[in-house]
């Protein structure tokens, strides 16, 4: 219960600073609009910066400033980031709000993937279906503005295959079955007779 209250208090404390866009996992190209919030009544200054994603949790990591703020901005778009100025890779964004008492609050977004050098994905067009001209019952077929494509199916003609010498006609299969059944019955009768004679 104490942990919940503490996490809720931290949430309320950091609710005045946030990065709303982009979000973790997004792929970024070109000029990116960064949306955020920094509406603390104790606002002193703010700084938007980026670093390599792997070093975002390191207190000694080098952060590169995108923009500084001497007063809060009411516009949800707080800055524009030209991602073509950095090499492709995974980055993190940080909006740091410095308060009047010298303390600060951070909003951190990890796993931002800058991919300016990768080719843009091309959309695959959906397959087009032929326009079938259906005839309503008792009426004439509707006229189509476009020609209805005709599907031509051709069957290749070739030399017929020779008869398989290993194939058996159905009559031969039944004959073999009944002969086998007869042999089994005769063997069963002989074995039964021998068992009776031994008992006597």
N, C-alpha and C. Protein backbone atom coordinates (compact mmCIF):
# COMPACT_ATOMS: atom_id res chain seq x y z
N UNK A 1 0.82 -1.20 0.00
CA UNK A 1 0.00 0.00 0.00
C UNK A 1 0.87 1.26 0.00
N UNK A 2 1.93 1.21 0.79
CA UNK A 2 2.84 2.36 0.84
C UNK A 2 3.49 2.61 -0.52
N UNK A 3 3.87 1.50 -1.22
CA UNK A 3 4.49 1.65 -2.54
C UNK A 3 3.52 2.30 -3.52
N UNK A 4 2.24 1.93 -3.42
CA UNK A 4 1.25 2.53 -4.32
C UNK A 4 1.11 4.03 -4.06
N UNK A 5 1.04 4.41 -2.78
CA UNK A 5 0.91 5.83 -2.44
C UNK A 5 2.14 6.61 -2.91
N UNK A 6 3.34 6.01 -2.74
CA UNK A 6 4.56 6.67 -3.17
C UNK A 6 4.59 6.86 -4.68
N UNK A 7 4.21 5.80 -5.43
CA UNK A 7 4.22 5.91 -6.90
C UNK A 7 3.18 6.92 -7.38
N UNK A 8 2.02 6.97 -6.66
CA UNK A 8 0.99 7.94 -7.04
C UNK A 8 1.47 9.36 -6.77
N UNK A 9 2.19 9.56 -5.68
CA UNK A 9 2.72 10.88 -5.36
C UNK A 9 3.76 11.31 -6.38
N UNK A 10 4.61 10.35 -6.80
CA UNK A 10 5.60 10.68 -7.82
C UNK A 10 4.93 11.02 -9.14
N UNK A 11 3.83 10.32 -9.41
CA UNK A 11 3.10 10.62 -10.65
C UNK A 11 2.54 12.04 -10.62
N UNK A 12 1.97 12.42 -9.46
CA UNK A 12 1.43 13.77 -9.36
C UNK A 12 2.54 14.81 -9.45
N UNK A 13 3.70 14.49 -8.90
CA UNK A 13 4.82 15.43 -8.93
C UNK A 13 5.30 15.66 -10.36
N UNK A 14 5.35 14.58 -11.18
CA UNK A 14 5.90 14.69 -12.53
C UNK A 14 4.82 14.96 -13.57
N UNK A 15 3.54 15.13 -13.14
CA UNK A 15 2.47 15.33 -14.11
C UNK A 15 2.59 16.66 -14.82
N UNK A 16 3.36 17.60 -14.27
CA UNK A 16 3.48 18.92 -14.89
C UNK A 16 4.46 18.93 -16.05
N UNK A 17 5.24 17.88 -16.24
CA UNK A 17 6.19 17.81 -17.35
C UNK A 17 5.99 16.47 -18.05
N UNK A 18 5.87 16.50 -19.37
CA UNK A 18 5.65 15.27 -20.13
C UNK A 18 6.01 15.50 -21.59
N UNK A 19 6.43 14.41 -22.24
CA UNK A 19 6.60 14.39 -23.70
C UNK A 19 5.47 13.54 -24.24
N UNK A 20 4.60 14.15 -25.03
CA UNK A 20 3.42 13.46 -25.55
C UNK A 20 3.67 12.79 -26.89
N UNK A 21 4.59 13.31 -27.66
CA UNK A 21 4.93 12.72 -28.97
C UNK A 21 6.33 13.20 -29.33
N UNK A 22 7.14 12.32 -29.91
CA UNK A 22 6.86 10.92 -30.29
C UNK A 22 6.84 9.99 -29.09
N UNK A 23 6.41 8.75 -29.35
CA UNK A 23 6.29 7.74 -28.30
C UNK A 23 7.36 6.66 -28.48
N UNK A 24 7.69 5.90 -27.43
CA UNK A 24 8.71 4.85 -27.54
C UNK A 24 8.39 3.86 -28.66
N UNK A 25 9.45 3.48 -29.38
CA UNK A 25 9.30 2.51 -30.46
C UNK A 25 9.02 3.12 -31.82
N UNK A 26 8.78 4.43 -31.89
CA UNK A 26 8.47 5.06 -33.18
C UNK A 26 9.73 5.18 -34.03
N UNK A 27 9.53 5.08 -35.35
CA UNK A 27 10.61 5.31 -36.32
C UNK A 27 10.49 6.74 -36.82
N UNK A 28 11.59 7.50 -36.71
CA UNK A 28 11.58 8.92 -37.03
C UNK A 28 12.40 9.19 -38.29
N UNK A 29 11.90 10.12 -39.11
CA UNK A 29 12.60 10.55 -40.32
C UNK A 29 12.39 12.05 -40.50
N UNK A 30 13.44 12.73 -40.93
CA UNK A 30 13.31 14.14 -41.28
C UNK A 30 13.00 15.03 -40.09
N UNK A 31 12.17 16.04 -40.34
CA UNK A 31 11.83 17.03 -39.31
C UNK A 31 10.66 16.51 -38.48
N UNK A 32 10.89 16.38 -37.17
CA UNK A 32 9.89 15.80 -36.26
C UNK A 32 9.36 16.87 -35.33
N UNK A 33 8.05 16.94 -35.20
CA UNK A 33 7.42 17.85 -34.23
C UNK A 33 7.32 17.14 -32.88
N UNK A 34 7.86 17.78 -31.85
CA UNK A 34 7.85 17.22 -30.50
C UNK A 34 6.76 17.92 -29.71
N UNK A 35 5.84 17.13 -29.15
CA UNK A 35 4.75 17.67 -28.36
C UNK A 35 5.02 17.37 -26.88
N UNK A 36 4.75 18.36 -26.03
CA UNK A 36 5.01 18.16 -24.61
C UNK A 36 4.24 19.13 -23.75
N UNK A 37 4.49 19.01 -22.45
CA UNK A 37 3.83 19.85 -21.47
C UNK A 37 4.83 20.22 -20.38
N UNK A 38 4.77 21.50 -19.94
CA UNK A 38 5.66 22.00 -18.87
C UNK A 38 4.95 23.12 -18.13
N UNK A 39 3.87 22.75 -17.47
CA UNK A 39 2.98 23.77 -16.91
C UNK A 39 3.03 23.85 -15.39
N UNK A 40 4.19 23.69 -14.81
CA UNK A 40 4.31 23.80 -13.35
C UNK A 40 4.26 25.26 -12.91
N UNK A 41 3.55 25.56 -11.82
CA UNK A 41 3.55 26.94 -11.32
C UNK A 41 4.92 27.34 -10.76
N UNK A 42 5.78 26.37 -10.49
CA UNK A 42 7.13 26.64 -9.99
C UNK A 42 8.17 26.67 -11.11
N UNK A 43 7.71 26.85 -12.35
CA UNK A 43 8.59 26.84 -13.52
C UNK A 43 9.69 27.90 -13.40
N UNK A 44 10.92 27.46 -13.66
CA UNK A 44 12.04 28.40 -13.74
C UNK A 44 12.62 28.39 -15.15
N UNK A 45 12.89 27.19 -15.69
CA UNK A 45 13.38 27.05 -17.06
C UNK A 45 13.17 25.59 -17.46
N UNK A 46 13.37 25.31 -18.74
CA UNK A 46 13.22 23.94 -19.24
C UNK A 46 14.21 23.73 -20.37
N UNK A 47 14.53 22.45 -20.59
CA UNK A 47 15.48 22.09 -21.64
C UNK A 47 15.05 20.78 -22.28
N UNK A 48 15.02 20.77 -23.61
CA UNK A 48 14.74 19.56 -24.38
C UNK A 48 16.04 19.08 -25.01
N UNK A 49 16.41 17.82 -24.76
CA UNK A 49 17.69 17.30 -25.25
C UNK A 49 17.54 15.85 -25.65
N UNK A 50 18.56 15.33 -26.36
CA UNK A 50 18.55 13.93 -26.78
C UNK A 50 19.90 13.31 -26.47
N UNK A 51 19.91 11.98 -26.41
CA UNK A 51 21.15 11.22 -26.23
C UNK A 51 20.94 9.86 -26.86
N UNK A 52 22.02 9.05 -26.89
CA UNK A 52 21.89 7.69 -27.38
C UNK A 52 21.04 6.89 -26.40
N UNK A 53 20.19 6.05 -26.92
CA UNK A 53 19.23 5.32 -26.09
C UNK A 53 19.92 4.48 -25.03
N UNK A 54 21.07 3.88 -25.37
CA UNK A 54 21.76 2.99 -24.43
C UNK A 54 22.29 3.74 -23.21
N UNK A 55 22.54 5.04 -23.34
CA UNK A 55 23.13 5.80 -22.24
C UNK A 55 22.12 6.70 -21.54
N UNK A 56 20.83 6.52 -21.82
CA UNK A 56 19.82 7.43 -21.27
C UNK A 56 19.72 7.33 -19.76
N UNK A 57 19.96 6.13 -19.20
CA UNK A 57 19.84 5.96 -17.75
C UNK A 57 21.13 6.31 -17.01
N UNK A 58 22.18 6.64 -17.75
CA UNK A 58 23.46 6.97 -17.13
C UNK A 58 23.45 8.45 -16.72
N UNK A 59 23.62 8.77 -15.42
CA UNK A 59 23.61 10.18 -15.01
C UNK A 59 24.70 11.01 -15.67
N UNK A 60 25.79 10.35 -16.06
CA UNK A 60 26.90 11.08 -16.68
C UNK A 60 26.81 11.10 -18.21
N UNK A 61 25.67 10.67 -18.75
CA UNK A 61 25.54 10.62 -20.21
C UNK A 61 25.55 12.03 -20.79
N UNK A 62 26.08 12.13 -22.01
CA UNK A 62 26.11 13.43 -22.68
C UNK A 62 24.79 13.70 -23.38
N UNK A 63 24.11 14.77 -22.97
CA UNK A 63 22.84 15.15 -23.58
C UNK A 63 23.08 16.34 -24.51
N UNK A 64 22.47 16.28 -25.69
CA UNK A 64 22.63 17.32 -26.71
C UNK A 64 21.35 18.14 -26.78
N UNK A 65 21.48 19.44 -26.55
CA UNK A 65 20.31 20.31 -26.42
C UNK A 65 19.66 20.54 -27.79
N UNK A 66 18.34 20.36 -27.82
CA UNK A 66 17.55 20.70 -29.00
C UNK A 66 16.99 22.11 -28.86
N UNK A 67 16.46 22.43 -27.66
CA UNK A 67 15.89 23.76 -27.43
C UNK A 67 15.80 24.01 -25.93
N UNK A 68 15.97 25.28 -25.53
CA UNK A 68 15.78 25.68 -24.14
C UNK A 68 14.57 26.61 -24.06
N UNK A 69 13.99 26.69 -22.86
CA UNK A 69 12.77 27.48 -22.65
C UNK A 69 12.95 28.33 -21.40
N UNK A 70 12.72 29.61 -21.55
CA UNK A 70 12.81 30.52 -20.39
C UNK A 70 11.45 30.72 -19.74
N UNK A 71 10.40 30.29 -20.41
CA UNK A 71 9.06 30.35 -19.85
C UNK A 71 8.23 29.22 -20.47
N UNK A 72 7.16 28.79 -19.78
CA UNK A 72 6.35 27.70 -20.33
C UNK A 72 5.71 28.10 -21.66
N UNK A 73 5.49 27.11 -22.50
CA UNK A 73 4.83 27.37 -23.77
C UNK A 73 3.44 26.76 -23.74
N UNK A 74 2.47 27.51 -24.24
CA UNK A 74 1.09 27.01 -24.26
C UNK A 74 0.83 26.13 -25.47
N UNK A 75 1.70 26.21 -26.48
CA UNK A 75 1.54 25.40 -27.68
C UNK A 75 1.92 23.96 -27.38
N UNK A 76 1.08 22.98 -27.74
CA UNK A 76 1.46 21.58 -27.49
C UNK A 76 2.70 21.16 -28.26
N UNK A 77 2.97 21.81 -29.42
CA UNK A 77 4.21 21.52 -30.16
C UNK A 77 5.30 22.41 -29.57
N UNK A 78 6.17 21.81 -28.78
CA UNK A 78 7.17 22.62 -28.06
C UNK A 78 8.45 22.81 -28.85
N UNK A 79 8.72 21.95 -29.85
CA UNK A 79 9.96 22.08 -30.62
C UNK A 79 9.87 21.24 -31.88
N UNK A 80 10.81 21.49 -32.81
CA UNK A 80 10.98 20.66 -34.00
C UNK A 80 12.41 20.14 -34.01
N UNK A 81 12.55 18.87 -34.30
CA UNK A 81 13.85 18.19 -34.25
C UNK A 81 14.20 17.70 -35.65
N UNK A 82 15.31 18.21 -36.17
CA UNK A 82 15.79 17.78 -37.49
C UNK A 82 16.64 16.51 -37.30
N UNK A 83 16.04 15.36 -37.52
CA UNK A 83 16.75 14.09 -37.28
C UNK A 83 17.79 13.78 -38.36
N UNK A 84 17.78 14.55 -39.46
CA UNK A 84 18.80 14.31 -40.49
C UNK A 84 20.17 14.80 -40.04
N UNK A 85 20.21 15.58 -38.95
CA UNK A 85 21.49 16.10 -38.45
C UNK A 85 22.24 15.09 -37.59
N UNK A 86 21.61 13.94 -37.29
CA UNK A 86 22.28 12.91 -36.50
C UNK A 86 22.30 11.61 -37.30
N UNK A 87 23.22 10.73 -36.93
CA UNK A 87 23.31 9.45 -37.63
C UNK A 87 22.17 8.55 -37.20
N UNK A 88 21.82 7.62 -38.08
CA UNK A 88 20.76 6.66 -37.76
C UNK A 88 21.13 5.84 -36.53
N UNK A 89 20.16 5.57 -35.71
CA UNK A 89 20.38 4.78 -34.50
C UNK A 89 19.20 4.92 -33.57
N UNK A 90 19.36 4.41 -32.35
CA UNK A 90 18.32 4.47 -31.33
C UNK A 90 18.67 5.58 -30.33
N UNK A 91 17.71 6.46 -30.09
CA UNK A 91 17.95 7.63 -29.26
C UNK A 91 16.87 7.76 -28.17
N UNK A 92 17.14 8.67 -27.24
CA UNK A 92 16.19 9.00 -26.18
C UNK A 92 16.02 10.51 -26.12
N UNK A 93 14.81 10.95 -25.77
CA UNK A 93 14.51 12.36 -25.59
C UNK A 93 14.25 12.64 -24.11
N UNK A 94 14.68 13.83 -23.64
CA UNK A 94 14.43 14.22 -22.26
C UNK A 94 13.98 15.67 -22.22
N UNK A 95 12.85 15.88 -21.54
CA UNK A 95 12.39 17.24 -21.26
C UNK A 95 12.61 17.46 -19.77
N UNK A 96 13.55 18.35 -19.44
CA UNK A 96 13.89 18.62 -18.03
C UNK A 96 13.33 19.98 -17.63
N UNK A 97 12.50 19.93 -16.59
CA UNK A 97 11.89 21.15 -16.06
C UNK A 97 12.61 21.52 -14.76
N UNK A 98 13.25 22.68 -14.75
CA UNK A 98 13.92 23.18 -13.55
C UNK A 98 12.97 24.09 -12.79
N UNK A 99 12.82 23.81 -11.49
CA UNK A 99 11.89 24.57 -10.65
C UNK A 99 12.60 25.74 -9.95
N UNK A 100 11.81 26.60 -9.35
CA UNK A 100 12.37 27.79 -8.70
C UNK A 100 13.27 27.45 -7.52
N UNK A 101 13.06 26.31 -6.88
CA UNK A 101 13.89 25.92 -5.75
C UNK A 101 15.17 25.21 -6.17
N UNK A 102 15.42 25.12 -7.49
CA UNK A 102 16.63 24.48 -7.99
C UNK A 102 16.48 23.01 -8.29
N UNK A 103 15.39 22.37 -7.88
CA UNK A 103 15.16 20.97 -8.21
C UNK A 103 14.64 20.88 -9.65
N UNK A 104 14.58 19.67 -10.15
CA UNK A 104 14.11 19.50 -11.53
C UNK A 104 13.26 18.24 -11.64
N UNK A 105 12.44 18.23 -12.67
CA UNK A 105 11.61 17.09 -13.03
C UNK A 105 11.91 16.72 -14.47
N UNK A 106 11.98 15.39 -14.75
CA UNK A 106 12.31 14.91 -16.09
C UNK A 106 11.17 14.11 -16.68
N UNK A 107 10.98 14.28 -17.98
CA UNK A 107 10.13 13.38 -18.78
C UNK A 107 11.06 12.74 -19.80
N UNK A 108 11.09 11.40 -19.83
CA UNK A 108 12.05 10.67 -20.66
C UNK A 108 11.32 9.73 -21.60
N UNK A 109 11.71 9.76 -22.88
CA UNK A 109 11.17 8.84 -23.88
C UNK A 109 12.34 8.08 -24.48
N UNK A 110 12.33 6.74 -24.32
CA UNK A 110 13.39 5.88 -24.85
C UNK A 110 12.96 5.23 -26.16
N UNK A 111 13.90 4.52 -26.78
CA UNK A 111 13.64 3.66 -27.95
C UNK A 111 13.03 4.44 -29.12
N UNK A 112 13.63 5.59 -29.44
CA UNK A 112 13.24 6.33 -30.64
C UNK A 112 14.22 5.95 -31.75
N UNK A 113 13.69 5.42 -32.83
CA UNK A 113 14.54 4.86 -33.89
C UNK A 113 14.62 5.81 -35.07
N UNK A 114 15.76 6.45 -35.22
CA UNK A 114 15.97 7.34 -36.36
C UNK A 114 16.49 6.51 -37.52
N UNK A 115 15.76 6.55 -38.65
CA UNK A 115 16.09 5.73 -39.82
C UNK A 115 15.96 6.56 -41.09
N UNK A 116 16.78 7.61 -41.22
CA UNK A 116 16.73 8.44 -42.42
C UNK A 116 17.38 7.77 -43.62
N UNK A 117 18.36 6.90 -43.37
CA UNK A 117 19.09 6.28 -44.48
C UNK A 117 18.40 5.03 -45.01
N UNK A 118 17.43 4.49 -44.28
CA UNK A 118 16.72 3.30 -44.74
C UNK A 118 15.73 3.70 -45.82
N UNK A 119 15.52 2.84 -46.82
CA UNK A 119 14.52 3.17 -47.84
C UNK A 119 13.12 3.14 -47.25
N UNK A 120 12.26 4.00 -47.79
CA UNK A 120 10.89 4.06 -47.32
C UNK A 120 10.16 2.78 -47.72
N UNK A 121 9.34 2.23 -46.83
CA UNK A 121 8.57 1.03 -47.21
C UNK A 121 7.56 1.37 -48.29
N UNK A 122 7.45 0.49 -49.28
CA UNK A 122 6.51 0.70 -50.38
C UNK A 122 5.26 -0.12 -50.11
N UNK A 123 4.12 0.52 -50.30
CA UNK A 123 2.85 -0.17 -50.07
C UNK A 123 2.54 -1.08 -51.25
N UNK A 124 2.11 -2.29 -50.95
CA UNK A 124 1.73 -3.25 -51.98
C UNK A 124 0.28 -2.99 -52.37
N UNK A 125 0.01 -2.72 -53.68
CA UNK A 125 -1.38 -2.46 -54.07
C UNK A 125 -2.23 -3.72 -53.90
N UNK A 126 -3.48 -3.56 -53.48
CA UNK A 126 -4.34 -4.74 -53.33
C UNK A 126 -4.66 -5.35 -54.67
N UNK A 127 -4.85 -6.65 -54.72
CA UNK A 127 -5.18 -7.30 -56.00
C UNK A 127 -6.55 -6.84 -56.50
N UNK A 128 -6.66 -6.68 -57.80
CA UNK A 128 -7.93 -6.26 -58.40
C UNK A 128 -8.68 -7.49 -58.87
N UNK A 129 -9.97 -7.51 -58.57
CA UNK A 129 -10.82 -8.63 -58.96
C UNK A 129 -11.53 -8.30 -60.27
N UNK A 130 -11.78 -9.30 -61.12
CA UNK A 130 -12.50 -9.03 -62.37
C UNK A 130 -13.93 -8.60 -62.09
N UNK A 131 -14.45 -7.76 -62.98
CA UNK A 131 -15.81 -7.25 -62.86
C UNK A 131 -16.76 -8.21 -63.55
N UNK A 132 -17.41 -9.08 -62.76
CA UNK A 132 -18.34 -10.05 -63.34
C UNK A 132 -19.68 -9.39 -63.62
N UNK A 133 -20.24 -9.68 -64.77
CA UNK A 133 -21.51 -9.10 -65.19
C UNK A 133 -22.61 -10.13 -64.93
N UNK A 134 -23.31 -10.00 -63.79
CA UNK A 134 -24.34 -10.96 -63.43
C UNK A 134 -25.67 -10.55 -64.06
N UNK A 135 -26.46 -11.57 -64.45
CA UNK A 135 -27.75 -11.31 -65.08
C UNK A 135 -28.85 -11.51 -64.06
N UNK A 136 -29.66 -10.48 -63.78
CA UNK A 136 -30.76 -10.65 -62.82
C UNK A 136 -31.83 -11.57 -63.41
N UNK A 137 -32.60 -12.25 -62.54
CA UNK A 137 -33.64 -13.17 -63.05
C UNK A 137 -34.67 -12.41 -63.87
N UNK A 138 -34.94 -12.93 -65.07
CA UNK A 138 -35.97 -12.35 -65.94
C UNK A 138 -35.61 -11.03 -66.55
N UNK A 139 -34.36 -10.66 -66.54
CA UNK A 139 -33.98 -9.36 -67.10
C UNK A 139 -32.76 -9.49 -67.96
N UNK A 140 -32.36 -8.38 -68.53
CA UNK A 140 -31.19 -8.35 -69.38
C UNK A 140 -29.97 -8.10 -68.51
N UNK A 141 -28.80 -8.61 -68.89
CA UNK A 141 -27.59 -8.35 -68.10
C UNK A 141 -27.26 -6.87 -68.11
N UNK A 142 -26.84 -6.39 -66.95
CA UNK A 142 -26.48 -4.96 -66.83
C UNK A 142 -25.25 -4.67 -67.67
N UNK A 143 -25.29 -3.50 -68.30
CA UNK A 143 -24.17 -3.11 -69.12
C UNK A 143 -23.07 -2.54 -68.25
N UNK A 144 -21.87 -2.98 -68.47
CA UNK A 144 -20.72 -2.50 -67.70
C UNK A 144 -19.98 -1.46 -68.49
N UNK A 145 -19.54 -0.42 -67.77
CA UNK A 145 -18.80 0.65 -68.45
C UNK A 145 -17.45 0.16 -68.92
N UNK A 146 -16.93 -0.86 -68.26
CA UNK A 146 -15.63 -1.38 -68.65
C UNK A 146 -15.80 -2.77 -69.23
N UNK A 147 -14.90 -3.13 -70.09
CA UNK A 147 -14.95 -4.47 -70.69
C UNK A 147 -14.69 -5.52 -69.62
N UNK A 148 -15.50 -6.57 -69.63
CA UNK A 148 -15.34 -7.64 -68.65
C UNK A 148 -14.20 -8.54 -69.11
N UNK A 149 -13.18 -8.72 -68.26
CA UNK A 149 -12.08 -9.60 -68.67
C UNK A 149 -12.55 -11.04 -68.80
N UNK A 150 -12.04 -11.71 -69.80
CA UNK A 150 -12.40 -13.11 -70.05
C UNK A 150 -11.25 -14.00 -69.62
N UNK A 151 -11.59 -15.01 -68.85
CA UNK A 151 -10.59 -15.95 -68.36
C UNK A 151 -10.55 -17.14 -69.30
N UNK A 152 -9.45 -17.31 -69.99
CA UNK A 152 -9.28 -18.43 -70.92
C UNK A 152 -8.49 -19.53 -70.23
N UNK A 153 -9.07 -20.71 -70.19
CA UNK A 153 -8.41 -21.87 -69.59
C UNK A 153 -8.07 -22.83 -70.70
N UNK A 154 -6.83 -23.11 -70.86
CA UNK A 154 -6.38 -24.05 -71.89
C UNK A 154 -5.83 -25.30 -71.23
N UNK A 155 -6.17 -26.44 -71.78
CA UNK A 155 -5.68 -27.72 -71.27
C UNK A 155 -4.64 -28.26 -72.24
N UNK A 156 -3.45 -28.48 -71.78
CA UNK A 156 -2.43 -29.00 -72.69
C UNK A 156 -2.79 -30.42 -73.16
N UNK A 157 -2.56 -30.64 -74.44
CA UNK A 157 -2.81 -31.98 -75.00
C UNK A 157 -1.49 -32.70 -75.11
N UNK A 158 -1.50 -33.94 -74.72
CA UNK A 158 -0.28 -34.74 -74.76
C UNK A 158 -0.60 -36.20 -74.97
N UNK A 159 0.40 -37.00 -75.01
CA UNK A 159 0.23 -38.44 -75.20
C UNK A 159 -0.31 -39.05 -73.92
N UNK A 160 -1.40 -39.87 -74.01
CA UNK A 160 -1.93 -40.49 -72.79
C UNK A 160 -0.91 -41.44 -72.18
N UNK A 161 -0.96 -41.54 -70.86
CA UNK A 161 -0.02 -42.39 -70.14
C UNK A 161 -0.34 -43.86 -70.40
N UNK A 162 0.69 -44.72 -70.47
CA UNK A 162 0.43 -46.16 -70.65
C UNK A 162 -0.21 -46.75 -69.39
N UNK A 163 -0.84 -47.90 -69.57
CA UNK A 163 -1.50 -48.58 -68.47
C UNK A 163 -0.45 -49.07 -67.47
N UNK A 164 -0.70 -48.87 -66.20
CA UNK A 164 0.23 -49.29 -65.16
C UNK A 164 0.18 -50.81 -65.03
N UNK A 165 1.32 -51.50 -65.27
CA UNK A 165 1.29 -52.96 -65.19
C UNK A 165 1.10 -53.47 -63.77
N UNK A 166 1.36 -52.63 -62.77
CA UNK A 166 1.23 -53.08 -61.38
C UNK A 166 -0.19 -52.92 -60.87
N UNK A 167 -1.10 -52.31 -61.66
CA UNK A 167 -2.46 -52.09 -61.18
C UNK A 167 -3.26 -53.38 -61.28
N UNK A 168 -4.20 -53.59 -60.34
CA UNK A 168 -5.04 -54.78 -60.30
C UNK A 168 -6.49 -54.37 -60.50
N UNK A 169 -7.26 -55.14 -61.30
CA UNK A 169 -8.68 -54.83 -61.42
C UNK A 169 -9.41 -55.18 -60.13
N UNK A 170 -10.59 -54.61 -59.96
CA UNK A 170 -11.35 -54.82 -58.74
C UNK A 170 -11.72 -56.29 -58.55
N UNK A 171 -12.00 -57.01 -59.64
CA UNK A 171 -12.39 -58.43 -59.54
C UNK A 171 -11.24 -59.26 -58.97
N UNK A 172 -10.01 -58.94 -59.37
CA UNK A 172 -8.86 -59.69 -58.85
C UNK A 172 -8.68 -59.44 -57.36
N UNK A 173 -8.94 -58.21 -56.93
CA UNK A 173 -8.78 -57.88 -55.50
C UNK A 173 -9.78 -58.68 -54.67
N UNK A 174 -11.06 -58.75 -55.12
CA UNK A 174 -12.08 -59.50 -54.38
C UNK A 174 -11.75 -60.99 -54.35
N UNK A 175 -11.23 -61.53 -55.47
CA UNK A 175 -10.89 -62.96 -55.52
C UNK A 175 -9.81 -63.28 -54.50
N UNK A 176 -8.77 -62.44 -54.45
CA UNK A 176 -7.68 -62.68 -53.50
C UNK A 176 -8.19 -62.57 -52.08
N UNK A 177 -9.12 -61.63 -51.83
CA UNK A 177 -9.65 -61.46 -50.46
C UNK A 177 -10.39 -62.71 -50.01
N UNK A 178 -11.28 -63.23 -50.88
CA UNK A 178 -12.06 -64.40 -50.48
C UNK A 178 -11.19 -65.64 -50.35
N UNK A 179 -10.19 -65.76 -51.20
CA UNK A 179 -9.28 -66.91 -51.07
C UNK A 179 -8.53 -66.85 -49.73
N UNK A 180 -8.08 -65.65 -49.35
CA UNK A 180 -7.37 -65.50 -48.08
C UNK A 180 -8.29 -65.80 -46.91
N UNK A 181 -9.55 -65.32 -47.00
CA UNK A 181 -10.50 -65.59 -45.92
C UNK A 181 -10.79 -67.07 -45.79
N UNK A 182 -10.88 -67.77 -46.92
CA UNK A 182 -11.14 -69.22 -46.89
C UNK A 182 -9.99 -69.95 -46.23
N UNK A 183 -8.76 -69.60 -46.56
CA UNK A 183 -7.59 -70.25 -45.98
C UNK A 183 -7.57 -70.04 -44.47
N UNK A 184 -7.89 -68.81 -44.02
CA UNK A 184 -7.90 -68.52 -42.58
C UNK A 184 -8.95 -69.36 -41.87
N UNK A 185 -10.13 -69.49 -42.47
CA UNK A 185 -11.20 -70.29 -41.86
C UNK A 185 -10.81 -71.77 -41.77
N UNK A 186 -10.18 -72.30 -42.84
CA UNK A 186 -9.76 -73.72 -42.84
C UNK A 186 -8.72 -73.94 -41.76
N UNK A 187 -7.74 -73.00 -41.65
CA UNK A 187 -6.71 -73.15 -40.62
C UNK A 187 -7.34 -73.09 -39.22
N UNK A 188 -8.31 -72.21 -39.04
CA UNK A 188 -8.97 -72.10 -37.73
C UNK A 188 -9.70 -73.40 -37.39
N UNK A 189 -10.38 -73.99 -38.40
CA UNK A 189 -11.11 -75.25 -38.15
C UNK A 189 -10.15 -76.37 -37.81
N UNK A 190 -9.01 -76.45 -38.52
CA UNK A 190 -8.02 -77.52 -38.28
C UNK A 190 -7.44 -77.38 -36.88
N UNK A 191 -7.09 -76.13 -36.49
CA UNK A 191 -6.51 -75.93 -35.15
C UNK A 191 -7.53 -76.27 -34.07
N UNK A 192 -8.80 -75.89 -34.27
CA UNK A 192 -9.84 -76.22 -33.28
C UNK A 192 -10.00 -77.73 -33.15
N UNK A 193 -9.97 -78.46 -34.29
CA UNK A 193 -10.11 -79.92 -34.27
C UNK A 193 -8.94 -80.56 -33.54
N UNK A 194 -7.71 -80.09 -33.78
CA UNK A 194 -6.54 -80.65 -33.10
C UNK A 194 -6.62 -80.41 -31.60
N UNK A 195 -7.09 -79.24 -31.18
CA UNK A 195 -7.21 -78.96 -29.75
C UNK A 195 -8.24 -79.88 -29.08
N UNK A 196 -9.33 -80.15 -29.76
CA UNK A 196 -10.33 -81.06 -29.20
C UNK A 196 -9.79 -82.47 -29.08
N UNK A 197 -9.04 -82.93 -30.09
CA UNK A 197 -8.48 -84.29 -30.06
C UNK A 197 -7.48 -84.43 -28.93
N UNK A 198 -6.72 -83.38 -28.65
CA UNK A 198 -5.72 -83.45 -27.56
C UNK A 198 -6.41 -83.51 -26.21
N UNK A 199 -7.57 -82.83 -26.09
CA UNK A 199 -8.28 -82.87 -24.80
C UNK A 199 -8.85 -84.26 -24.55
N UNK A 200 -9.26 -84.95 -25.63
CA UNK A 200 -9.82 -86.29 -25.47
C UNK A 200 -8.70 -87.30 -25.23
